Protein backbone atom coordinates (compact mmCIF):
# COMPACT_ATOMS: atom_id res chain seq x y z
CA MET A 1 206.14 55.16 -68.49
CA ASP A 2 209.32 54.70 -66.24
CA PHE A 3 210.45 51.87 -64.16
CA THR A 4 209.16 53.28 -60.70
CA GLN A 5 205.79 54.48 -62.27
CA LYS A 6 205.29 50.79 -63.82
CA MET A 7 206.46 49.28 -60.27
CA ARG A 8 203.53 51.44 -58.26
CA LEU A 9 201.10 50.42 -60.60
CA ARG A 10 201.89 46.63 -60.26
CA GLY A 11 201.81 47.18 -56.51
CA LYS A 12 198.23 49.29 -56.93
CA ALA A 13 197.01 46.55 -58.85
CA GLU A 14 198.48 43.52 -56.80
CA GLU A 15 196.17 45.50 -53.69
CA ASP A 16 193.14 45.84 -55.36
CA LEU A 17 192.97 42.43 -56.51
CA TYR A 18 193.41 41.39 -52.96
CA PHE A 19 191.12 43.69 -51.58
CA ALA A 20 188.68 42.55 -54.08
CA GLN A 21 188.95 38.87 -52.96
CA GLN A 22 188.34 40.05 -49.67
CA ASP A 23 185.00 41.94 -50.28
CA SER A 24 183.88 39.04 -52.40
CA GLU A 25 184.65 36.45 -49.71
CA LEU A 26 182.95 38.99 -47.07
CA ILE A 27 179.68 39.51 -49.25
CA GLU A 28 179.78 36.04 -49.76
CA ALA A 29 179.56 35.16 -46.25
CA LEU A 30 176.99 37.86 -45.56
CA HIS A 31 174.88 35.69 -48.07
CA GLU A 32 174.85 32.69 -46.39
CA MET A 33 174.11 34.53 -43.09
CA GLN A 34 170.81 35.64 -44.43
CA LYS A 35 170.14 32.23 -46.04
CA SER A 36 170.70 30.73 -42.82
CA GLY A 37 168.62 32.89 -40.86
CA GLU A 38 171.34 34.38 -38.86
CA ILE A 39 170.64 38.04 -40.50
CA ASP A 40 167.02 39.20 -41.47
CA SER A 41 168.03 42.61 -43.35
CA TRP A 42 171.12 44.42 -44.36
CA HIS A 43 170.14 47.77 -42.88
CA LYS A 44 167.72 46.34 -40.24
CA ILE A 45 169.02 47.38 -36.46
CA PRO A 46 169.50 44.75 -34.04
CA LYS A 47 166.74 44.87 -31.07
CA HIS A 48 169.45 44.87 -28.13
CA SER A 49 170.72 48.08 -29.44
CA ASP A 50 167.51 49.98 -29.25
CA GLU A 51 167.14 48.59 -25.88
CA GLN A 52 170.71 49.90 -25.08
CA ASN A 53 170.14 53.37 -26.55
CA LYS A 54 166.83 53.85 -24.26
CA GLN A 55 168.59 53.27 -21.14
């Protein structure tokens, strides 16, 4: 493995770690929203969207 391949892998690893942390924070925020009652279900369509689609 040459230097450029190592640097490319290092950059990819750093990017993967960054996005893994972002995903973890978003999932935690969703769980908090669910616990506080801000959202009922992950896949439930909001009522106002149904009403807008009918018009």
